[in-house]
């Protein structure tokens, strides 16, 4: 297990995310794998991380989003979601906060890959703009 002084390497994080997906039951694993593919394809500079005792995290100049799995939902939480436009109404959870927004995907729900790709790219652009 990683700590602040001994973080998980990007390669190890990728392997841990692979393992998590393989361990999950049918739909949560497939859903997390699909979300991961969309996120990592949206930006070639996305870095996979493994934080907070087992949460997949995707970053580029800061956290873009996390991929958490629960019994009835796969949740993508965008670290700066409240600052992002949501024209396709992907955010459907954690809507009351000042910073984060989330997308809850339930079994059988389709993922709008094009809209999610645009959201990831907007989150990357926001992170980059804050670093300047």
N, C-alpha and C. Protein backbone atom coordinates (compact mmCIF):
# COMPACT_ATOMS: atom_id res chain seq x y z
N UNK A 1 0.84 -1.18 0.00
CA UNK A 1 0.00 0.00 0.00
C UNK A 1 0.89 1.24 0.00
N UNK A 2 0.48 2.22 -0.75
CA UNK A 2 1.26 3.45 -0.86
C UNK A 2 0.92 4.40 0.28
N UNK A 3 1.84 5.28 0.54
CA UNK A 3 1.61 6.36 1.49
C UNK A 3 2.07 7.64 0.83
N UNK A 4 1.97 8.74 1.55
CA UNK A 4 2.42 10.01 0.98
C UNK A 4 3.92 10.00 0.71
N UNK A 5 4.66 9.24 1.49
CA UNK A 5 6.10 9.19 1.30
C UNK A 5 6.51 8.09 0.32
N UNK A 6 5.61 7.17 0.03
CA UNK A 6 5.90 6.07 -0.88
C UNK A 6 4.71 5.89 -1.83
N UNK A 7 4.53 6.83 -2.78
CA UNK A 7 3.36 6.75 -3.65
C UNK A 7 3.46 5.57 -4.62
N UNK A 8 2.30 5.15 -5.11
CA UNK A 8 2.22 4.09 -6.10
C UNK A 8 2.69 4.67 -7.43
N UNK A 9 3.57 3.99 -8.13
CA UNK A 9 4.04 4.46 -9.43
C UNK A 9 2.88 4.40 -10.43
N UNK A 10 3.00 5.14 -11.52
CA UNK A 10 1.97 5.15 -12.55
C UNK A 10 1.77 3.74 -13.11
N UNK A 11 2.86 3.01 -13.30
CA UNK A 11 2.76 1.65 -13.81
C UNK A 11 2.02 0.76 -12.82
N UNK A 12 2.36 0.87 -11.54
CA UNK A 12 1.67 0.09 -10.51
C UNK A 12 0.21 0.49 -10.41
N UNK A 13 -0.09 1.79 -10.54
CA UNK A 13 -1.47 2.25 -10.49
C UNK A 13 -2.28 1.62 -11.61
N UNK A 14 -1.71 1.59 -12.80
CA UNK A 14 -2.40 0.98 -13.93
C UNK A 14 -2.69 -0.50 -13.66
N UNK A 15 -1.71 -1.20 -13.10
CA UNK A 15 -1.91 -2.61 -12.77
C UNK A 15 -2.97 -2.79 -11.68
N UNK A 16 -2.99 -1.91 -10.69
CA UNK A 16 -3.99 -2.00 -9.63
C UNK A 16 -5.39 -1.71 -10.17
N UNK A 17 -5.50 -0.78 -11.10
CA UNK A 17 -6.81 -0.51 -11.71
C UNK A 17 -7.24 -1.72 -12.54
N UNK A 18 -6.31 -2.31 -13.30
CA UNK A 18 -6.63 -3.53 -14.06
C UNK A 18 -7.16 -4.61 -13.12
N UNK A 19 -6.48 -4.78 -11.99
CA UNK A 19 -6.88 -5.80 -11.02
C UNK A 19 -8.26 -5.50 -10.45
N UNK A 20 -8.53 -4.25 -10.11
CA UNK A 20 -9.85 -3.87 -9.59
C UNK A 20 -10.94 -4.20 -10.59
N UNK A 21 -10.72 -3.86 -11.84
CA UNK A 21 -11.72 -4.13 -12.89
C UNK A 21 -11.97 -5.63 -12.99
N UNK A 22 -10.90 -6.43 -12.97
CA UNK A 22 -11.03 -7.88 -13.08
C UNK A 22 -11.76 -8.49 -11.89
N UNK A 23 -11.61 -7.88 -10.71
CA UNK A 23 -12.23 -8.42 -9.49
C UNK A 23 -13.71 -8.07 -9.38
N UNK A 24 -14.14 -7.04 -10.07
CA UNK A 24 -15.52 -6.60 -9.96
C UNK A 24 -16.45 -7.55 -10.70
N UNK A 25 -17.70 -7.57 -10.24
CA UNK A 25 -18.68 -8.38 -10.94
C UNK A 25 -18.96 -7.78 -12.31
N UNK A 26 -19.74 -8.46 -13.07
CA UNK A 26 -19.98 -8.19 -14.49
C UNK A 26 -20.15 -6.71 -14.84
N UNK A 27 -21.26 -6.09 -14.47
CA UNK A 27 -21.53 -4.73 -14.97
C UNK A 27 -20.65 -3.66 -14.34
N UNK A 28 -20.35 -3.69 -13.04
CA UNK A 28 -19.48 -2.62 -12.53
C UNK A 28 -18.09 -2.65 -13.15
N UNK A 29 -17.54 -3.83 -13.34
CA UNK A 29 -16.22 -3.95 -13.95
C UNK A 29 -16.21 -3.46 -15.38
N UNK A 30 -17.22 -3.87 -16.14
CA UNK A 30 -17.32 -3.42 -17.53
C UNK A 30 -17.51 -1.91 -17.61
N UNK A 31 -18.33 -1.38 -16.71
CA UNK A 31 -18.59 0.06 -16.71
C UNK A 31 -17.34 0.84 -16.35
N UNK A 32 -16.64 0.42 -15.31
CA UNK A 32 -15.40 1.10 -14.93
C UNK A 32 -14.38 1.01 -16.06
N UNK A 33 -14.29 -0.13 -16.70
CA UNK A 33 -13.35 -0.29 -17.82
C UNK A 33 -13.72 0.65 -18.97
N UNK A 34 -14.99 0.77 -19.26
CA UNK A 34 -15.44 1.66 -20.35
C UNK A 34 -15.16 3.11 -20.01
N UNK A 35 -15.47 3.53 -18.78
CA UNK A 35 -15.19 4.91 -18.37
C UNK A 35 -13.70 5.19 -18.43
N UNK A 36 -12.92 4.26 -17.95
CA UNK A 36 -11.45 4.41 -17.99
C UNK A 36 -10.96 4.59 -19.42
N UNK A 37 -11.47 3.78 -20.33
CA UNK A 37 -11.05 3.87 -21.73
C UNK A 37 -11.39 5.24 -22.32
N UNK A 38 -12.56 5.74 -22.02
CA UNK A 38 -12.96 7.06 -22.53
C UNK A 38 -12.03 8.14 -21.98
N UNK A 39 -11.78 8.09 -20.68
CA UNK A 39 -10.93 9.10 -20.05
C UNK A 39 -9.52 9.07 -20.62
N UNK A 40 -8.93 7.89 -20.70
CA UNK A 40 -7.54 7.80 -21.16
C UNK A 40 -7.41 8.07 -22.65
N UNK A 41 -8.45 7.82 -23.42
CA UNK A 41 -8.42 8.14 -24.85
C UNK A 41 -8.67 9.62 -25.11
N UNK A 42 -9.32 10.29 -24.18
CA UNK A 42 -9.64 11.72 -24.36
C UNK A 42 -8.39 12.59 -24.36
N UNK A 43 -7.36 12.16 -23.64
CA UNK A 43 -6.13 12.94 -23.55
C UNK A 43 -4.95 11.99 -23.36
N UNK A 44 -4.01 12.01 -24.30
CA UNK A 44 -2.88 11.07 -24.20
C UNK A 44 -1.96 11.34 -23.01
N UNK A 45 -2.09 12.49 -22.36
CA UNK A 45 -1.23 12.81 -21.23
C UNK A 45 -1.88 12.53 -19.87
N UNK A 46 -3.02 11.87 -19.87
CA UNK A 46 -3.67 11.48 -18.62
C UNK A 46 -2.75 10.51 -17.88
N UNK A 47 -2.64 10.70 -16.59
CA UNK A 47 -1.85 9.82 -15.72
C UNK A 47 -2.81 9.07 -14.81
N UNK A 48 -2.63 7.76 -14.74
CA UNK A 48 -3.44 6.96 -13.82
C UNK A 48 -2.77 6.92 -12.47
N UNK A 49 -3.58 7.09 -11.44
CA UNK A 49 -3.08 7.04 -10.06
C UNK A 49 -3.99 6.15 -9.24
N UNK A 50 -3.49 5.75 -8.08
CA UNK A 50 -4.22 4.89 -7.14
C UNK A 50 -4.12 5.58 -5.79
N UNK A 51 -5.23 6.14 -5.32
CA UNK A 51 -5.19 6.95 -4.10
C UNK A 51 -6.23 6.48 -3.09
N UNK A 52 -6.10 7.01 -1.91
CA UNK A 52 -7.09 6.86 -0.84
C UNK A 52 -7.50 5.41 -0.64
N UNK A 53 -6.49 4.57 -0.55
CA UNK A 53 -6.72 3.14 -0.26
C UNK A 53 -7.58 2.45 -1.31
N UNK A 54 -7.31 2.76 -2.55
CA UNK A 54 -7.93 1.97 -3.61
C UNK A 54 -8.91 2.67 -4.52
N UNK A 55 -8.70 3.93 -4.80
CA UNK A 55 -9.57 4.65 -5.72
C UNK A 55 -8.78 4.98 -6.99
N UNK A 56 -9.26 4.50 -8.15
CA UNK A 56 -8.63 4.91 -9.40
C UNK A 56 -8.81 6.42 -9.61
N UNK A 57 -7.72 7.08 -10.00
CA UNK A 57 -7.74 8.53 -10.20
C UNK A 57 -7.05 8.81 -11.53
N UNK A 58 -7.63 9.74 -12.30
CA UNK A 58 -7.03 10.15 -13.56
C UNK A 58 -6.68 11.63 -13.45
N UNK A 59 -5.42 11.95 -13.76
CA UNK A 59 -4.90 13.29 -13.55
C UNK A 59 -4.20 13.83 -14.79
N UNK A 60 -4.19 15.13 -14.89
CA UNK A 60 -3.38 15.88 -15.86
C UNK A 60 -3.29 17.29 -15.30
N UNK A 61 -2.11 17.65 -14.79
CA UNK A 61 -1.92 18.93 -14.07
C UNK A 61 -2.90 19.05 -12.91
N UNK A 62 -3.14 17.96 -12.25
CA UNK A 62 -4.09 17.90 -11.14
C UNK A 62 -5.14 16.84 -11.44
N UNK A 63 -5.93 16.53 -10.45
CA UNK A 63 -6.94 15.48 -10.60
C UNK A 63 -8.01 15.93 -11.59
N UNK A 64 -8.32 15.04 -12.52
CA UNK A 64 -9.44 15.23 -13.44
C UNK A 64 -10.68 14.60 -12.81
N UNK A 65 -10.59 13.28 -12.56
CA UNK A 65 -11.74 12.58 -11.98
C UNK A 65 -11.29 11.29 -11.32
N UNK A 66 -12.20 10.73 -10.54
CA UNK A 66 -11.98 9.45 -9.89
C UNK A 66 -13.00 8.45 -10.44
N UNK A 67 -12.74 7.18 -10.23
CA UNK A 67 -13.67 6.13 -10.64
C UNK A 67 -13.94 5.20 -9.47
N UNK A 68 -15.05 5.42 -8.81
CA UNK A 68 -15.38 4.64 -7.63
C UNK A 68 -16.49 3.66 -7.95
N UNK A 69 -16.42 2.49 -7.35
CA UNK A 69 -17.45 1.48 -7.57
C UNK A 69 -18.16 1.16 -6.27
N UNK A 70 -19.47 1.11 -6.38
CA UNK A 70 -20.34 0.77 -5.25
C UNK A 70 -21.27 -0.35 -5.69
N UNK A 71 -22.07 -0.81 -4.78
CA UNK A 71 -22.96 -1.94 -5.07
C UNK A 71 -23.90 -1.66 -6.24
N UNK A 72 -24.45 -0.46 -6.31
CA UNK A 72 -25.45 -0.17 -7.33
C UNK A 72 -25.06 0.94 -8.29
N UNK A 73 -23.81 1.43 -8.21
CA UNK A 73 -23.43 2.55 -9.06
C UNK A 73 -21.91 2.57 -9.26
N UNK A 74 -21.51 3.03 -10.44
CA UNK A 74 -20.12 3.38 -10.68
C UNK A 74 -20.12 4.90 -10.76
N UNK A 75 -19.32 5.53 -9.93
CA UNK A 75 -19.32 6.99 -9.77
C UNK A 75 -18.03 7.58 -10.29
N UNK A 76 -18.18 8.56 -11.17
CA UNK A 76 -17.04 9.36 -11.62
C UNK A 76 -17.19 10.72 -10.98
N UNK A 77 -16.25 11.08 -10.13
CA UNK A 77 -16.29 12.38 -9.48
C UNK A 77 -15.23 13.27 -10.11
N UNK A 78 -15.68 14.41 -10.64
CA UNK A 78 -14.77 15.38 -11.26
C UNK A 78 -14.36 16.39 -10.21
N UNK A 79 -13.06 16.49 -9.99
CA UNK A 79 -12.51 17.32 -8.92
C UNK A 79 -12.94 18.78 -9.03
N UNK A 80 -13.01 19.30 -10.23
CA UNK A 80 -13.40 20.70 -10.46
C UNK A 80 -14.71 20.78 -11.25
N UNK A 81 -15.57 19.81 -11.04
CA UNK A 81 -16.79 19.70 -11.82
C UNK A 81 -17.71 20.91 -11.76
N UNK A 82 -17.76 21.58 -10.62
CA UNK A 82 -18.63 22.76 -10.50
C UNK A 82 -18.18 23.90 -11.41
N UNK A 83 -16.95 23.87 -11.85
CA UNK A 83 -16.41 24.91 -12.73
C UNK A 83 -16.53 24.54 -14.21
N UNK A 84 -17.09 23.38 -14.51
CA UNK A 84 -17.19 22.92 -15.89
C UNK A 84 -18.61 23.09 -16.42
N UNK A 85 -18.70 23.44 -17.69
CA UNK A 85 -20.01 23.47 -18.35
C UNK A 85 -20.52 22.03 -18.44
N UNK A 86 -21.82 21.86 -18.37
CA UNK A 86 -22.43 20.54 -18.39
C UNK A 86 -23.56 20.51 -19.42
N UNK A 87 -23.27 20.85 -20.69
CA UNK A 87 -24.34 20.99 -21.68
C UNK A 87 -25.10 19.69 -21.97
N UNK A 88 -24.46 18.55 -21.74
CA UNK A 88 -25.12 17.26 -22.00
C UNK A 88 -25.73 16.66 -20.73
N UNK A 89 -25.70 17.43 -19.65
CA UNK A 89 -26.29 17.02 -18.37
C UNK A 89 -25.76 15.67 -17.89
N UNK A 90 -24.45 15.50 -18.01
CA UNK A 90 -23.83 14.27 -17.52
C UNK A 90 -23.78 14.24 -16.00
N UNK A 91 -23.54 15.39 -15.38
CA UNK A 91 -23.49 15.40 -13.92
C UNK A 91 -24.88 15.16 -13.37
N UNK A 92 -24.99 14.14 -12.52
CA UNK A 92 -26.28 13.79 -11.94
C UNK A 92 -26.17 13.49 -10.45
N UNK A 93 -25.02 13.83 -9.85
CA UNK A 93 -24.79 13.54 -8.44
C UNK A 93 -23.82 14.58 -7.88
N UNK A 94 -23.88 14.77 -6.57
CA UNK A 94 -23.01 15.74 -5.89
C UNK A 94 -23.17 17.13 -6.50
N UNK A 95 -24.39 17.52 -6.75
CA UNK A 95 -24.67 18.77 -7.44
C UNK A 95 -24.71 19.99 -6.53
N UNK A 96 -24.72 19.78 -5.24
CA UNK A 96 -24.86 20.89 -4.29
C UNK A 96 -23.54 21.49 -3.82
N UNK A 97 -22.44 20.83 -4.09
CA UNK A 97 -21.15 21.30 -3.61
C UNK A 97 -20.61 22.46 -4.44
N UNK A 98 -19.61 23.12 -3.90
CA UNK A 98 -19.00 24.26 -4.58
C UNK A 98 -17.87 23.86 -5.51
N UNK A 99 -17.42 22.61 -5.44
CA UNK A 99 -16.24 22.22 -6.22
C UNK A 99 -16.50 20.99 -7.08
N UNK A 100 -16.81 19.89 -6.47
CA UNK A 100 -16.93 18.62 -7.19
C UNK A 100 -18.33 18.43 -7.79
N UNK A 101 -18.36 17.62 -8.84
CA UNK A 101 -19.60 17.13 -9.43
C UNK A 101 -19.34 15.69 -9.83
N UNK A 102 -20.39 14.88 -9.86
CA UNK A 102 -20.21 13.47 -10.16
C UNK A 102 -21.22 12.98 -11.20
N UNK A 103 -20.83 11.88 -11.81
CA UNK A 103 -21.70 11.16 -12.74
C UNK A 103 -21.89 9.77 -12.14
N UNK A 104 -23.13 9.45 -11.81
CA UNK A 104 -23.46 8.11 -11.34
C UNK A 104 -23.98 7.30 -12.51
N UNK A 105 -23.34 6.16 -12.76
CA UNK A 105 -23.76 5.27 -13.84
C UNK A 105 -24.33 4.02 -13.18
N UNK A 106 -25.59 3.75 -13.48
CA UNK A 106 -26.26 2.57 -12.93
C UNK A 106 -26.28 1.45 -13.97
N UNK A 107 -26.52 0.26 -13.50
CA UNK A 107 -26.55 -0.90 -14.39
C UNK A 107 -27.55 -0.66 -15.53
N UNK A 108 -27.11 -0.94 -16.74
CA UNK A 108 -27.97 -0.81 -17.91
C UNK A 108 -27.95 0.56 -18.56
N UNK A 109 -27.35 1.54 -17.91
CA UNK A 109 -27.30 2.88 -18.49
C UNK A 109 -26.20 2.97 -19.54
N UNK A 110 -26.48 3.70 -20.60
CA UNK A 110 -25.50 3.94 -21.65
C UNK A 110 -24.62 5.11 -21.26
N UNK A 111 -23.40 5.09 -21.74
CA UNK A 111 -22.45 6.17 -21.50
C UNK A 111 -22.30 6.94 -22.81
N UNK A 112 -22.54 8.23 -22.75
CA UNK A 112 -22.36 9.08 -23.93
C UNK A 112 -20.87 9.39 -24.05
N UNK A 113 -20.18 8.57 -24.83
CA UNK A 113 -18.72 8.66 -24.92
C UNK A 113 -18.28 10.01 -25.47
N UNK A 114 -18.98 10.54 -26.43
CA UNK A 114 -18.60 11.82 -27.03
C UNK A 114 -18.74 12.95 -26.00
N UNK A 115 -19.83 12.96 -25.27
CA UNK A 115 -20.04 14.00 -24.26
C UNK A 115 -19.04 13.85 -23.11
N UNK A 116 -18.75 12.62 -22.70
CA UNK A 116 -17.79 12.41 -21.63
C UNK A 116 -16.38 12.81 -22.07
N UNK A 117 -16.04 12.51 -23.31
CA UNK A 117 -14.74 12.93 -23.84
C UNK A 117 -14.61 14.45 -23.79
N UNK A 118 -15.65 15.15 -24.20
CA UNK A 118 -15.63 16.62 -24.17
C UNK A 118 -15.48 17.13 -22.74
N UNK A 119 -16.15 16.47 -21.79
CA UNK A 119 -16.07 16.88 -20.39
C UNK A 119 -14.66 16.66 -19.84
N UNK A 120 -14.05 15.54 -20.15
CA UNK A 120 -12.69 15.26 -19.71
C UNK A 120 -11.73 16.29 -20.29
N UNK A 121 -11.87 16.58 -21.56
CA UNK A 121 -10.99 17.57 -22.19
C UNK A 121 -11.19 18.96 -21.59
N UNK A 122 -12.41 19.31 -21.24
CA UNK A 122 -12.66 20.59 -20.58
C UNK A 122 -12.01 20.62 -19.20
N UNK A 123 -12.06 19.50 -18.48
CA UNK A 123 -11.43 19.42 -17.16
C UNK A 123 -9.91 19.55 -17.27
N UNK A 124 -9.33 18.93 -18.29
CA UNK A 124 -7.89 19.05 -18.52
C UNK A 124 -7.53 20.51 -18.81
N UNK A 125 -8.30 21.14 -19.70
CA UNK A 125 -8.04 22.54 -20.06
C UNK A 125 -8.14 23.44 -18.82
N UNK A 126 -9.12 23.18 -17.97
CA UNK A 126 -9.27 23.97 -16.74
C UNK A 126 -8.05 23.78 -15.84
N UNK A 127 -7.61 22.54 -15.66
CA UNK A 127 -6.43 22.29 -14.81
C UNK A 127 -5.19 23.00 -15.38
N UNK A 128 -5.01 22.91 -16.69
CA UNK A 128 -3.86 23.57 -17.31
C UNK A 128 -3.93 25.09 -17.12
N UNK A 129 -5.11 25.65 -17.28
CA UNK A 129 -5.25 27.10 -17.15
C UNK A 129 -4.95 27.56 -15.72
N UNK A 130 -5.25 26.73 -14.74
CA UNK A 130 -4.97 27.07 -13.34
C UNK A 130 -3.49 26.98 -13.00
N UNK A 131 -2.75 26.19 -13.79
CA UNK A 131 -1.31 26.03 -13.54
C UNK A 131 -0.49 27.18 -14.13
N UNK A 132 -1.09 27.96 -15.02
CA UNK A 132 -0.36 29.05 -15.68
C UNK A 132 -0.30 30.28 -14.81
